[in-house]
PDB file of N, CA and C in Angstrom:
ATOM      1  N   MET A   1      19.473 164.138   2.781  1.00  0.00           N
ATOM      2  CA  MET A   1      18.978 163.421   1.622  1.00  0.00           C
ATOM      3  C   MET A   1      17.538 163.881   1.353  1.00  0.00           C
ATOM      4  N   LEU A   2      17.213 164.091   0.070  1.00  0.00           N
ATOM      5  CA  LEU A   2      15.860 164.470  -0.343  1.00  0.00           C
ATOM      6  C   LEU A   2      15.230 163.296  -1.078  1.00  0.00           C
ATOM      7  N   LEU A   3      14.055 162.875  -0.615  1.00  0.00           N
ATOM      8  CA  LEU A   3      13.350 161.739  -1.212  1.00  0.00           C
ATOM      9  C   LEU A   3      11.959 162.175  -1.668  1.00  0.00           C
ATOM     10  N   PRO A   4      11.772 162.411  -2.966  1.00  0.00           N
ATOM     11  CA  PRO A   4      10.464 162.831  -3.474  1.00  0.00           C
ATOM     12  C   PRO A   4       9.546 161.631  -3.711  1.00  0.00           C
ATOM     13  N   ASP A   5       8.249 161.833  -3.539  1.00  0.00           N
ATOM     14  CA  ASP A   5       7.314 160.777  -3.937  1.00  0.00           C
ATOM     15  C   ASP A   5       7.145 160.787  -5.449  1.00  0.00           C
ATOM     16  N   ARG A   6       7.360 161.950  -6.094  1.00  0.00           N
ATOM     17  CA  ARG A   6       7.300 162.066  -7.553  1.00  0.00           C
ATOM     18  C   ARG A   6       8.262 163.159  -8.002  1.00  0.00           C
ATOM     19  N   THR A   7       8.925 162.930  -9.126  1.00  0.00           N
ATOM     20  CA  THR A   7       9.814 163.950  -9.689  1.00  0.00           C
ATOM     21  C   THR A   7       9.231 164.583 -10.947  1.00  0.00           C
ATOM     22  N   THR A   8       8.045 164.139 -11.352  1.00  0.00           N
ATOM     23  CA  THR A   8       7.318 164.750 -12.465  1.00  0.00           C
ATOM     24  C   THR A   8       5.884 164.963 -12.011  1.00  0.00           C
ATOM     25  N   ILE A   9       5.414 166.207 -12.126  1.00  0.00           N
ATOM     26  CA  ILE A   9       4.036 166.529 -11.758  1.00  0.00           C
ATOM     27  C   ILE A   9       3.414 167.357 -12.879  1.00  0.00           C
ATOM     28  N   THR A  10       2.101 167.453 -12.874  1.00  0.00           N
ATOM     29  CA  THR A  10       1.366 168.139 -13.931  1.00  0.00           C
ATOM     30  C   THR A  10       1.242 169.628 -13.621  1.00  0.00           C
ATOM     31  N   ALA A  11       1.497 170.449 -14.617  1.00  0.00           N
ATOM     32  CA  ALA A  11       1.444 171.907 -14.479  1.00  0.00           C
ATOM     33  C   ALA A  11       0.007 172.397 -14.642  1.00  0.00           C
ATOM     34  N   GLU A  12      -0.823 172.101 -13.651  1.00  0.00           N
ATOM     35  CA  GLU A  12      -2.209 172.565 -13.692  1.00  0.00           C
ATOM     36  C   GLU A  12      -2.585 173.343 -12.433  1.00  0.00           C
ATOM     37  N   GLY A  13      -1.585 173.717 -11.640  1.00  0.00           N
ATOM     38  CA  GLY A  13      -1.816 174.575 -10.494  1.00  0.00           C
ATOM     39  C   GLY A  13      -2.239 173.855  -9.224  1.00  0.00           C
ATOM     40  N   GLN A  14      -2.388 172.526  -9.260  1.00  0.00           N
ATOM     41  CA  GLN A  14      -2.829 171.796  -8.069  1.00  0.00           C
ATOM     42  C   GLN A  14      -1.999 170.550  -7.767  1.00  0.00           C
ATOM     43  N   ASP A  15      -1.258 170.032  -8.731  1.00  0.00           N
ATOM     44  CA  ASP A  15      -0.517 168.790  -8.533  1.00  0.00           C
ATOM     45  C   ASP A  15       0.625 169.008  -7.530  1.00  0.00           C
ATOM     46  N   LEU A  16       0.917 167.967  -6.748  1.00  0.00           N
ATOM     47  CA  LEU A  16       1.870 168.075  -5.647  1.00  0.00           C
ATOM     48  C   LEU A  16       2.956 167.017  -5.720  1.00  0.00           C
ATOM     49  N   SER A  17       4.085 167.344  -5.126  1.00  0.00           N
ATOM     50  CA  SER A  17       5.145 166.381  -4.847  1.00  0.00           C
ATOM     51  C   SER A  17       5.525 166.556  -3.384  1.00  0.00           C
ATOM     52  N   HIS A  18       5.581 165.452  -2.654  1.00  0.00           N
ATOM     53  CA  HIS A  18       5.966 165.456  -1.245  1.00  0.00           C
ATOM     54  C   HIS A  18       7.438 165.059  -1.165  1.00  0.00           C
ATOM     55  N   ILE A  19       8.246 165.913  -0.563  1.00  0.00           N
ATOM     56  CA  ILE A  19       9.684 165.691  -0.494  1.00  0.00           C
ATOM     57  C   ILE A  19      10.073 165.447   0.956  1.00  0.00           C
ATOM     58  N   GLU A  20      10.541 164.242   1.251  1.00  0.00           N
ATOM     59  CA  GLU A  20      11.005 163.920   2.594  1.00  0.00           C
ATOM     60  C   GLU A  20      12.475 164.308   2.712  1.00  0.00           C
ATOM     61  N   VAL A  21      12.807 165.023   3.783  1.00  0.00           N
ATOM     62  CA  VAL A  21      14.188 165.356   4.111  1.00  0.00           C
ATOM     63  C   VAL A  21      14.626 164.401   5.213  1.00  0.00           C
ATOM     64  N   ARG A  22      15.766 163.741   5.000  1.00  0.00           N
ATOM     65  CA  ARG A  22      16.301 162.794   5.986  1.00  0.00           C
ATOM     66  C   ARG A  22      17.739 163.181   6.317  1.00  0.00           C
ATOM     67  N   LEU A  23      18.029 163.338   7.602  1.00  0.00           N
ATOM     68  CA  LEU A  23      19.392 163.607   8.051  1.00  0.00           C
ATOM     69  C   LEU A  23      20.060 162.261   8.303  1.00  0.00           C
ATOM     70  N   GLU A  24      20.934 161.868   7.374  1.00  0.00           N
ATOM     71  CA  GLU A  24      21.596 160.568   7.455  1.00  0.00           C
ATOM     72  C   GLU A  24      23.107 160.754   7.544  1.00  0.00           C
ATOM     73  N   ASP A  25      23.773 159.784   8.176  1.00  0.00           N
ATOM     74  CA  ASP A  25      25.228 159.826   8.227  1.00  0.00           C
ATOM     75  C   ASP A  25      25.816 159.239   6.941  1.00  0.00           C
ATOM     76  N   ALA A  26      27.129 159.133   6.866  1.00  0.00           N
ATOM     77  CA  ALA A  26      27.808 158.656   5.654  1.00  0.00           C
ATOM     78  C   ALA A  26      27.418 157.229   5.287  1.00  0.00           C
ATOM     79  N   GLN A  27      26.947 156.452   6.265  1.00  0.00           N
ATOM     80  CA  GLN A  27      26.535 155.073   5.996  1.00  0.00           C
ATOM     81  C   GLN A  27      25.044 154.962   5.675  1.00  0.00           C
ATOM     82  N   GLY A  28      24.341 156.102   5.626  1.00  0.00           N
ATOM     83  CA  GLY A  28      22.923 156.096   5.309  1.00  0.00           C
ATOM     84  C   GLY A  28      22.029 155.822   6.499  1.00  0.00           C
ATOM     85  N   VAL A  29      22.565 155.954   7.715  1.00  0.00           N
ATOM     86  CA  VAL A  29      21.789 155.715   8.930  1.00  0.00           C
ATOM     87  C   VAL A  29      21.137 157.022   9.367  1.00  0.00           C
ATOM     88  N   LEU A  30      19.832 156.981   9.589  1.00  0.00           N
ATOM     89  CA  LEU A  30      19.079 158.154  10.026  1.00  0.00           C
ATOM     90  C   LEU A  30      19.563 158.594  11.395  1.00  0.00           C
ATOM     91  N   GLY A  31      19.775 159.894  11.563  1.00  0.00           N
ATOM     92  CA  GLY A  31      20.220 160.451  12.843  1.00  0.00           C
ATOM     93  C   GLY A  31      19.057 161.041  13.613  1.00  0.00           C
ATOM     94  N   PRO A  32      18.348 160.244  14.418  1.00  0.00           N
ATOM     95  CA  PRO A  32      17.134 160.730  15.077  1.00  0.00           C
ATOM     96  C   PRO A  32      17.375 161.804  16.133  1.00  0.00           C
ATOM     97  N   ASP A  33      18.593 161.937  16.645  1.00  0.00           N
ATOM     98  CA  ASP A  33      18.838 162.953  17.666  1.00  0.00           C
ATOM     99  C   ASP A  33      19.669 164.120  17.132  1.00  0.00           C
ATOM    100  N   ALA A  34      19.724 164.268  15.831  1.00  0.00           N
ATOM    101  CA  ALA A  34      20.504 165.338  15.200  1.00  0.00           C
ATOM    102  C   ALA A  34      19.583 166.334  14.510  1.00  0.00           C
ATOM    103  N   ASP A  35      18.521 166.744  15.165  1.00  0.00           N
ATOM    104  CA  ASP A  35      17.551 167.625  14.525  1.00  0.00           C
ATOM    105  C   ASP A  35      18.148 169.000  14.245  1.00  0.00           C
ATOM    106  N   ARG A  36      17.810 169.520  13.062  1.00  0.00           N
ATOM    107  CA  ARG A  36      18.325 170.804  12.594  1.00  0.00           C
ATOM    108  C   ARG A  36      17.205 171.583  11.914  1.00  0.00           C
ATOM    109  N   LEU A  37      17.374 172.888  11.895  1.00  0.00           N
ATOM    110  CA  LEU A  37      16.469 173.747  11.131  1.00  0.00           C
ATOM    111  C   LEU A  37      16.851 173.640   9.665  1.00  0.00           C
ATOM    112  N   ILE A  38      15.908 173.215   8.831  1.00  0.00           N
ATOM    113  CA  ILE A  38      16.115 173.089   7.393  1.00  0.00           C
ATOM    114  C   ILE A  38      15.453 174.281   6.722  1.00  0.00           C
ATOM    115  N   ARG A  39      16.214 174.981   5.899  1.00  0.00           N
ATOM    116  CA  ARG A  39      15.676 176.112   5.129  1.00  0.00           C
ATOM    117  C   ARG A  39      15.533 175.669   3.678  1.00  0.00           C
ATOM    118  N   PHE A  40      14.360 175.945   3.122  1.00  0.00           N
ATOM    119  CA  PHE A  40      14.062 175.555   1.742  1.00  0.00           C
ATOM    120  C   PHE A  40      14.086 176.774   0.842  1.00  0.00           C
ATOM    121  N   GLU A  41      14.649 176.584  -0.352  1.00  0.00           N
ATOM    122  CA  GLU A  41      14.630 177.613  -1.383  1.00  0.00           C
ATOM    123  C   GLU A  41      14.121 176.960  -2.653  1.00  0.00           C
ATOM    124  N   LEU A  42      13.201 177.624  -3.319  1.00  0.00           N
ATOM    125  CA  LEU A  42      12.593 177.056  -4.516  1.00  0.00           C
ATOM    126  C   LEU A  42      12.770 178.011  -5.678  1.00  0.00           C
ATOM    127  N   GLU A  43      13.159 177.462  -6.815  1.00  0.00           N
ATOM    128  CA  GLU A  43      13.268 178.231  -8.063  1.00  0.00           C
ATOM    129  C   GLU A  43      12.457 177.514  -9.124  1.00  0.00           C
ATOM    130  N   GLY A  44      11.774 178.275  -9.969  1.00  0.00           N
ATOM    131  CA  GLY A  44      11.065 177.669 -11.086  1.00  0.00           C
ATOM    132  C   GLY A  44       9.564 177.766 -10.982  1.00  0.00           C
ATOM    133  N   THR A  45       8.891 176.832 -11.664  1.00  0.00           N
ATOM    134  CA  THR A  45       7.448 176.899 -11.894  1.00  0.00           C
ATOM    135  C   THR A  45       6.665 176.159 -10.810  1.00  0.00           C
ATOM    136  N   GLY A  46       6.788 176.626  -9.584  1.00  0.00           N
ATOM    137  CA  GLY A  46       6.054 176.019  -8.482  1.00  0.00           C
ATOM    138  C   GLY A  46       6.214 176.832  -7.212  1.00  0.00           C
ATOM    139  N   THR A  47       5.595 176.343  -6.143  1.00  0.00           N
ATOM    140  CA  THR A  47       5.665 176.996  -4.843  1.00  0.00           C
ATOM    141  C   THR A  47       5.802 175.942  -3.747  1.00  0.00           C
ATOM    142  N   ILE A  48       6.264 176.406  -2.591  1.00  0.00           N
ATOM    143  CA  ILE A  48       6.261 175.558  -1.402  1.00  0.00           C
ATOM    144  C   ILE A  48       4.882 175.716  -0.770  1.00  0.00           C
ATOM    145  N   LEU A  49       4.065 174.683  -0.871  1.00  0.00           N
ATOM    146  CA  LEU A  49       2.708 174.745  -0.338  1.00  0.00           C
ATOM    147  C   LEU A  49       2.714 174.626   1.178  1.00  0.00           C
ATOM    148  N   GLY A  50       3.582 173.776   1.723  1.00  0.00           N
ATOM    149  CA  GLY A  50       3.635 173.605   3.161  1.00  0.00           C
ATOM    150  C   GLY A  50       4.828 172.777   3.579  1.00  0.00           C
ATOM    151  N   VAL A  51       5.085 172.785   4.886  1.00  0.00           N
ATOM    152  CA  VAL A  51       6.164 172.015   5.490  1.00  0.00           C
ATOM    153  C   VAL A  51       5.622 171.356   6.759  1.00  0.00           C
ATOM    154  N   ASP A  52       6.238 170.236   7.146  1.00  0.00           N
ATOM    155  CA  ASP A  52       5.815 169.541   8.367  1.00  0.00           C
ATOM    156  C   ASP A  52       6.957 168.665   8.848  1.00  0.00           C
ATOM    157  N   ASN A  53       6.815 168.152  10.061  1.00  0.00           N
ATOM    158  CA  ASN A  53       7.814 167.231  10.584  1.00  0.00           C
ATOM    159  C   ASN A  53       7.196 166.095  11.406  1.00  0.00           C
ATOM    160  N   GLY A  54       5.904 166.082  11.579  1.00  0.00           N
ATOM    161  CA  GLY A  54       5.246 165.016  12.319  1.00  0.00           C
ATOM    162  C   GLY A  54       5.225 165.207  13.821  1.00  0.00           C
ATOM    163  N   ASP A  55       5.831 166.282  14.325  1.00  0.00           N
ATOM    164  CA  ASP A  55       5.854 166.538  15.760  1.00  0.00           C
ATOM    165  C   ASP A  55       4.611 167.333  16.144  1.00  0.00           C
ATOM    166  N   LEU A  56       3.681 166.679  16.806  1.00  0.00           N
ATOM    167  CA  LEU A  56       2.426 167.345  17.182  1.00  0.00           C
ATOM    168  C   LEU A  56       2.631 168.459  18.198  1.00  0.00           C
ATOM    169  N   ARG A  57       3.767 168.478  18.876  1.00  0.00           N
ATOM    170  CA  ARG A  57       4.054 169.523  19.870  1.00  0.00           C
ATOM    171  C   ARG A  57       4.655 170.772  19.241  1.00  0.00           C
ATOM    172  N   SER A  58       5.029 170.697  17.970  1.00  0.00           N
ATOM    173  CA  SER A  58       5.695 171.813  17.310  1.00  0.00           C
ATOM    174  C   SER A  58       4.731 172.981  17.100  1.00  0.00           C
ATOM    175  N   SER A  59       5.250 174.181  17.331  1.00  0.00           N
ATOM    176  CA  SER A  59       4.440 175.385  17.078  1.00  0.00           C
ATOM    177  C   SER A  59       4.880 176.098  15.805  1.00  0.00           C
ATOM    178  N   GLU A  60       5.755 175.456  15.025  1.00  0.00           N
ATOM    179  CA  GLU A  60       6.208 176.054  13.779  1.00  0.00           C
ATOM    180  C   GLU A  60       5.060 176.098  12.772  1.00  0.00           C
ATOM    181  N   PRO A  61       4.996 177.146  11.954  1.00  0.00           N
ATOM    182  CA  PRO A  61       3.916 177.238  10.970  1.00  0.00           C
ATOM    183  C   PRO A  61       4.065 176.206   9.855  1.00  0.00           C
ATOM    184  N   TYR A  62       2.938 175.764   9.328  1.00  0.00           N
ATOM    185  CA  TYR A  62       2.936 174.820   8.212  1.00  0.00           C
ATOM    186  C   TYR A  62       3.219 175.513   6.889  1.00  0.00           C
ATOM    187  N   GLN A  63       2.866 176.773   6.783  1.00  0.00           N
ATOM    188  CA  GLN A  63       3.123 177.528   5.558  1.00  0.00           C
ATOM    189  C   GLN A  63       4.341 178.404   5.800  1.00  0.00           C
ATOM    190  N   ALA A  64       5.499 177.850   5.428  1.00  0.00           N
ATOM    191  CA  ALA A  64       6.775 178.523   5.657  1.00  0.00           C
ATOM    192  C   ALA A  64       7.802 177.959   4.685  1.00  0.00           C
ATOM    193  N   ASN A  65       9.002 178.519   4.722  1.00  0.00           N
ATOM    194  CA  ASN A  65      10.076 177.988   3.889  1.00  0.00           C
ATOM    195  C   ASN A  65      11.167 177.350   4.750  1.00  0.00           C
ATOM    196  N   GLN A  66      10.798 176.971   5.977  1.00  0.00           N
ATOM    197  CA  GLN A  66      11.735 176.292   6.851  1.00  0.00           C
ATOM    198  C   GLN A  66      10.984 175.414   7.841  1.00  0.00           C
ATOM    199  N   ARG A  67      11.707 174.395   8.346  1.00  0.00           N
ATOM    200  CA  ARG A  67      11.112 173.493   9.339  1.00  0.00           C
ATOM    201  C   ARG A  67      12.239 172.780  10.076  1.00  0.00           C
ATOM    202  N   THR A  68      12.084 172.566  11.355  1.00  0.00           N
ATOM    203  CA  THR A  68      13.046 171.798  12.134  1.00  0.00           C
ATOM    204  C   THR A  68      12.719 170.319  11.984  1.00  0.00           C
ATOM    205  N   THR A  69      13.743 169.517  11.742  1.00  0.00           N
ATOM    206  CA  THR A  69      13.505 168.078  11.626  1.00  0.00           C
ATOM    207  C   THR A  69      13.091 167.513  12.983  1.00  0.00           C
ATOM    208  N   TYR A  70      12.380 166.423  12.943  1.00  0.00           N
ATOM    209  CA  TYR A  70      11.952 165.698  14.138  1.00  0.00           C
ATOM    210  C   TYR A  70      12.356 164.247  13.924  1.00  0.00           C
ATOM    211  N   TRP A  71      13.185 163.737  14.813  1.00  0.00           N
ATOM    212  CA  TRP A  71      13.749 162.406  14.646  1.00  0.00           C
ATOM    213  C   TRP A  71      14.490 162.303  13.306  1.00  0.00           C
ATOM    214  N   GLY A  72      15.113 163.426  12.913  1.00  0.00           N
ATOM    215  CA  GLY A  72      15.932 163.424  11.711  1.00  0.00           C
ATOM    216  C   GLY A  72      15.180 163.564  10.401  1.00  0.00           C
ATOM    217  N   ARG A  73      13.895 163.907  10.474  1.00  0.00           N
ATOM    218  CA  ARG A  73      13.097 163.974   9.241  1.00  0.00           C
ATOM    219  C   ARG A  73      12.165 165.183   9.247  1.00  0.00           C
ATOM    220  N   CYS A  74      11.880 165.686   8.041  1.00  0.00           N
ATOM    221  CA  CYS A  74      10.820 166.673   7.844  1.00  0.00           C
ATOM    222  C   CYS A  74      10.331 166.544   6.413  1.00  0.00           C
ATOM    223  N   LEU A  75       9.342 167.356   6.051  1.00  0.00           N
ATOM    224  CA  LEU A  75       8.665 167.228   4.768  1.00  0.00           C
ATOM    225  C   LEU A  75       8.418 168.604   4.168  1.00  0.00           C
ATOM    226  N   ALA A  76       8.627 168.702   2.862  1.00  0.00           N
ATOM    227  CA  ALA A  76       8.238 169.891   2.096  1.00  0.00           C
ATOM    228  C   ALA A  76       7.242 169.439   1.039  1.00  0.00           C
ATOM    229  N   ILE A  77       6.152 170.174   0.900  1.00  0.00           N
ATOM    230  CA  ILE A  77       5.133 169.866  -0.102  1.00  0.00           C
ATOM    231  C   ILE A  77       5.223 170.939  -1.177  1.00  0.00           C
ATOM    232  N   ILE A  78       5.504 170.489  -2.408  1.00  0.00           N
ATOM    233  CA  ILE A  78       5.705 171.394  -3.537  1.00  0.00           C
ATOM    234  C   ILE A  78       4.496 171.323  -4.457  1.00  0.00           C
ATOM    235  N   GLN A  79       3.987 172.488  -4.862  1.00  0.00           N
ATOM    236  CA  GLN A  79       2.831 172.569  -5.751  1.00  0.00           C
ATOM    237  C   GLN A  79       3.253 173.153  -7.090  1.00  0.00           C
ATOM    238  N   ALA A  80       2.813 172.508  -8.165  1.00  0.00           N
ATOM    239  CA  ALA A  80       3.113 172.988  -9.515  1.00  0.00           C
ATOM    240  C   ALA A  80       2.344 174.270  -9.809  1.00  0.00           C
ATOM    241  N   ALA A  81       2.951 175.114 -10.617  1.00  0.00           N
ATOM    242  CA  ALA A  81       2.249 176.289 -11.143  1.00  0.00           C
ATOM    243  C   ALA A  81       1.456 175.835 -12.370  1.00  0.00           C
ATOM    244  N   ARG A  82       0.952 176.776 -13.136  1.00  0.00           N
ATOM    245  CA  ARG A  82       0.152 176.433 -14.311  1.00  0.00           C
ATOM    246  C   ARG A  82       0.966 176.415 -15.605  1.00  0.00           C
ATOM    247  N   GLU A  83       2.265 176.681 -15.511  1.00  0.00           N
ATOM    248  CA  GLU A  83       3.094 176.611 -16.708  1.00  0.00           C
ATOM    249  C   GLU A  83       4.113 175.488 -16.549  1.00  0.00           C
ATOM    250  N   PRO A  84       4.312 174.712 -17.603  1.00  0.00           N
ATOM    251  CA  PRO A  84       5.290 173.626 -17.556  1.00  0.00           C
ATOM    252  C   PRO A  84       6.707 174.167 -17.400  1.00  0.00           C
ATOM    253  N   GLY A  85       7.557 173.364 -16.828  1.00  0.00           N
ATOM    254  CA  GLY A  85       8.951 173.772 -16.656  1.00  0.00           C
ATOM    255  C   GLY A  85       9.650 172.893 -15.641  1.00  0.00           C
ATOM    256  N   GLU A  86      10.490 173.523 -14.844  1.00  0.00           N
ATOM    257  CA  GLU A  86      11.254 172.802 -13.830  1.00  0.00           C
ATOM    258  C   GLU A  86      11.176 173.544 -12.505  1.00  0.00           C
ATOM    259  N   ILE A  87      11.220 172.774 -11.436  1.00  0.00           N
ATOM    260  CA  ILE A  87      11.268 173.305 -10.079  1.00  0.00           C
ATOM    261  C   ILE A  87      12.552 172.769  -9.451  1.00  0.00           C
ATOM    262  N   ARG A  88      13.375 173.655  -8.942  1.00  0.00           N
ATOM    263  CA  ARG A  88      14.586 173.235  -8.243  1.00  0.00           C
ATOM    264  C   ARG A  88      14.417 173.573  -6.761  1.00  0.00           C
ATOM    265  N   LEU A  89      14.436 172.540  -5.933  1.00  0.00           N
ATOM    266  CA  LEU A  89      14.316 172.706  -4.489  1.00  0.00           C
ATOM    267  C   LEU A  89      15.689 172.498  -3.855  1.00  0.00           C
ATOM    268  N   THR A  90      16.091 173.455  -3.017  1.00  0.00           N
ATOM    269  CA  THR A  90      17.327 173.343  -2.259  1.00  0.00           C
ATOM    270  C   THR A  90      16.960 173.317  -0.785  1.00  0.00           C
ATOM    271  N   ALA A  91      17.524 172.360  -0.056  1.00  0.00           N
ATOM    272  CA  ALA A  91      17.344 172.265   1.399  1.00  0.00           C
ATOM    273  C   ALA A  91      18.712 172.460   2.037  1.00  0.00           C
ATOM    274  N   ALA A  92      18.795 173.379   2.996  1.00  0.00           N
ATOM    275  CA  ALA A  92      20.076 173.682   3.621  1.00  0.00           C
ATOM    276  C   ALA A  92      19.920 173.784   5.131  1.00  0.00           C
ATOM    277  N   ALA A  93      20.956 173.353   5.837  1.00  0.00           N
ATOM    278  CA  ALA A  93      21.013 173.449   7.295  1.00  0.00           C
ATOM    279  C   ALA A  93      22.431 173.843   7.679  1.00  0.00           C
ATOM    280  N   ALA A  94      22.572 174.481   8.841  1.00  0.00           N
ATOM    281  CA  ALA A  94      23.889 174.876   9.319  1.00  0.00           C
ATOM    282  C   ALA A  94      24.788 173.647   9.449  1.00  0.00           C
ATOM    283  N   ASP A  95      26.027 173.793   9.036  1.00  0.00           N
ATOM    284  CA  ASP A  95      27.058 172.751   9.148  1.00  0.00           C
ATOM    285  C   ASP A  95      26.800 171.521   8.296  1.00  0.00           C
ATOM    286  N   LEU A  96      25.880 171.600   7.347  1.00  0.00           N
ATOM    287  CA  LEU A  96      25.625 170.481   6.434  1.00  0.00           C
ATOM    288  C   LEU A  96      25.654 170.995   4.999  1.00  0.00           C
ATOM    289  N   PRO A  97      26.106 170.175   4.065  1.00  0.00           N
ATOM    290  CA  PRO A  97      26.059 170.622   2.669  1.00  0.00           C
ATOM    291  C   PRO A  97      24.606 170.689   2.193  1.00  0.00           C
ATOM    292  N   PRO A  98      24.281 171.664   1.343  1.00  0.00           N
ATOM    293  CA  PRO A  98      22.901 171.731   0.835  1.00  0.00           C
ATOM    294  C   PRO A  98      22.598 170.548  -0.073  1.00  0.00           C
ATOM    295  N   ALA A  99      21.318 170.180  -0.106  1.00  0.00           N
ATOM    296  CA  ALA A  99      20.836 169.122  -1.000  1.00  0.00           C
ATOM    297  C   ALA A  99      19.883 169.760  -1.998  1.00  0.00           C
ATOM    298  N   GLN A 100      19.934 169.281  -3.248  1.00  0.00           N
ATOM    299  CA  GLN A 100      19.063 169.816  -4.293  1.00  0.00           C
ATOM    300  C   GLN A 100      18.302 168.703  -4.980  1.00  0.00           C
ATOM    301  N   LEU A 101      17.135 169.086  -5.497  1.00  0.00           N
ATOM    302  CA  LEU A 101      16.272 168.153  -6.205  1.00  0.00           C
ATOM    303  C   LEU A 101      15.601 168.893  -7.349  1.00  0.00           C
ATOM    304  N   LEU A 102      15.459 168.214  -8.482  1.00  0.00           N
ATOM    305  CA  LEU A 102      14.785 168.781  -9.643  1.00  0.00           C
ATOM    306  C   LEU A 102      13.465 168.056  -9.865  1.00  0.00           C
ATOM    307  N   ILE A 103      12.381 168.824  -9.973  1.00  0.00           N
ATOM    308  CA  ILE A 103      11.055 168.294 -10.265  1.00  0.00           C
ATOM    309  C   ILE A 103      10.623 168.905 -11.591  1.00  0.00           C
ATOM    310  N   ARG A 104      10.180 168.082 -12.510  1.00  0.00           N
ATOM    311  CA  ARG A 104       9.698 168.567 -13.803  1.00  0.00           C
ATOM    312  C   ARG A 104       8.184 168.713 -13.743  1.00  0.00           C
ATOM    313  N   THR A 105       7.694 169.795 -14.366  1.00  0.00           N
ATOM    314  CA  THR A 105       6.250 169.986 -14.490  1.00  0.00           C
ATOM    315  C   THR A 105       5.889 169.876 -15.962  1.00  0.00           C
ATOM    316  N   THR A 106       4.943 169.015 -16.261  1.00  0.00           N
ATOM    317  CA  THR A 106       4.565 168.725 -17.640  1.00  0.00           C
ATOM    318  C   THR A 106       3.175 169.285 -17.928  1.00  0.00           C
ATOM    319  N   PRO A 107       2.887 169.562 -19.196  1.00  0.00           N
ATOM    320  CA  PRO A 107       1.562 170.084 -19.548  1.00  0.00           C
ATOM    321  C   PRO A 107       0.461 169.093 -19.161  1.00  0.00           C
ATOM    322  N   SER A 108      -0.658 169.635 -18.741  1.00  0.00           N
ATOM    323  CA  SER A 108      -1.818 168.790 -18.480  1.00  0.00           C
ATOM    324  C   SER A 108      -2.507 168.488 -19.810  1.00  0.00           C
ATOM    325  N   PRO A 109      -3.372 167.467 -19.866  1.00  0.00           N
ATOM    326  CA  PRO A 109      -4.078 167.167 -21.114  1.00  0.00           C
ATOM    327  C   PRO A 109      -4.820 168.409 -21.626  1.00  0.00           C
ATOM    328  N   GLY A 110      -4.650 168.709 -22.889  1.00  0.00           N
ATOM    329  CA  GLY A 110      -5.311 169.861 -23.491  1.00  0.00           C
ATOM    330  C   GLY A 110      -4.548 171.155 -23.312  1.00  0.00           C
ATOM    331  N   GLN A 111      -3.406 171.104 -22.641  1.00  0.00           N
ATOM    332  CA  GLN A 111      -2.605 172.299 -22.407  1.00  0.00           C
ATOM    333  C   GLN A 111      -1.431 172.292 -23.386  1.00  0.00           C
ATOM    334  N   SER A 112      -1.144 173.449 -23.952  1.00  0.00           N
ATOM    335  CA  SER A 112       0.011 173.530 -24.847  1.00  0.00           C
ATOM    336  C   SER A 112       1.291 173.445 -24.016  1.00  0.00           C
ATOM    337  N   PRO A 113       2.408 173.039 -24.596  1.00  0.00           N
ATOM    338  CA  PRO A 113       3.656 172.934 -23.855  1.00  0.00           C
ATOM    339  C   PRO A 113       4.139 174.260 -23.277  1.00  0.00           C
ATOM    340  N   SER A 114       3.634 175.381 -23.769  1.00  0.00           N
ATOM    341  CA  SER A 114       4.082 176.686 -23.278  1.00  0.00           C
ATOM    342  C   SER A 114       3.195 177.235 -22.172  1.00  0.00           C
ATOM    343  N   GLY A 115       2.107 176.552 -21.819  1.00  0.00           N
ATOM    344  CA  GLY A 115       1.269 177.046 -20.720  1.00  0.00           C
ATOM    345  C   GLY A 115      -0.180 176.712 -20.956  1.00  0.00           C
ATOM    346  N   PRO A 116      -1.075 177.253 -20.082  1.00  0.00           N
ATOM    347  CA  PRO A 116      -2.501 176.964 -20.180  1.00  0.00           C
ATOM    348  C   PRO A 116      -3.082 177.446 -21.508  1.00  0.00           C
ATOM    349  N   SER A 117      -4.063 176.732 -21.972  1.00  0.00           N
ATOM    350  CA  SER A 117      -4.710 177.143 -23.208  1.00  0.00           C
ATOM    351  C   SER A 117      -5.598 178.342 -22.935  1.00  0.00           C
ATOM    352  N   SER A 118      -5.826 179.149 -23.961  1.00  0.00           N
ATOM    353  CA  SER A 118      -6.641 180.345 -23.789  1.00  0.00           C
ATOM    354  C   SER A 118      -8.087 180.108 -24.188  1.00  0.00           C
ATOM    355  N   ALA A 119      -8.454 178.868 -24.368  1.00  0.00           N
ATOM    356  CA  ALA A 119      -9.817 178.550 -24.790  1.00  0.00           C
ATOM    357  C   ALA A 119     -10.800 178.656 -23.666  1.00  0.00           C
TER     358      ALA A 119
END
């Protein structure tokens, strides 16, 4: 399951959305002992700024497109680009169906709908 803190962010090159990944069973119960490597794929007007899982013992890099869950959870931080549009995030793990999320990026104040102003 993917749980974003926001599904609309501003296309000004700095706005973020934090996406929590939760490994839950069919009844929605978190599986704390079912940790898996989650691979992230992003399409659209943004980037994966960082990933984390809260495990202070982990040696995995924060700037990557994958992270192992810890107690059934991990986090992807998505950063908007400077052009409005859509960001599609896919999270996939072995033996699990992929999950997808759509984040919209909207023009910032003073920005045209097609991108940054040239002023």
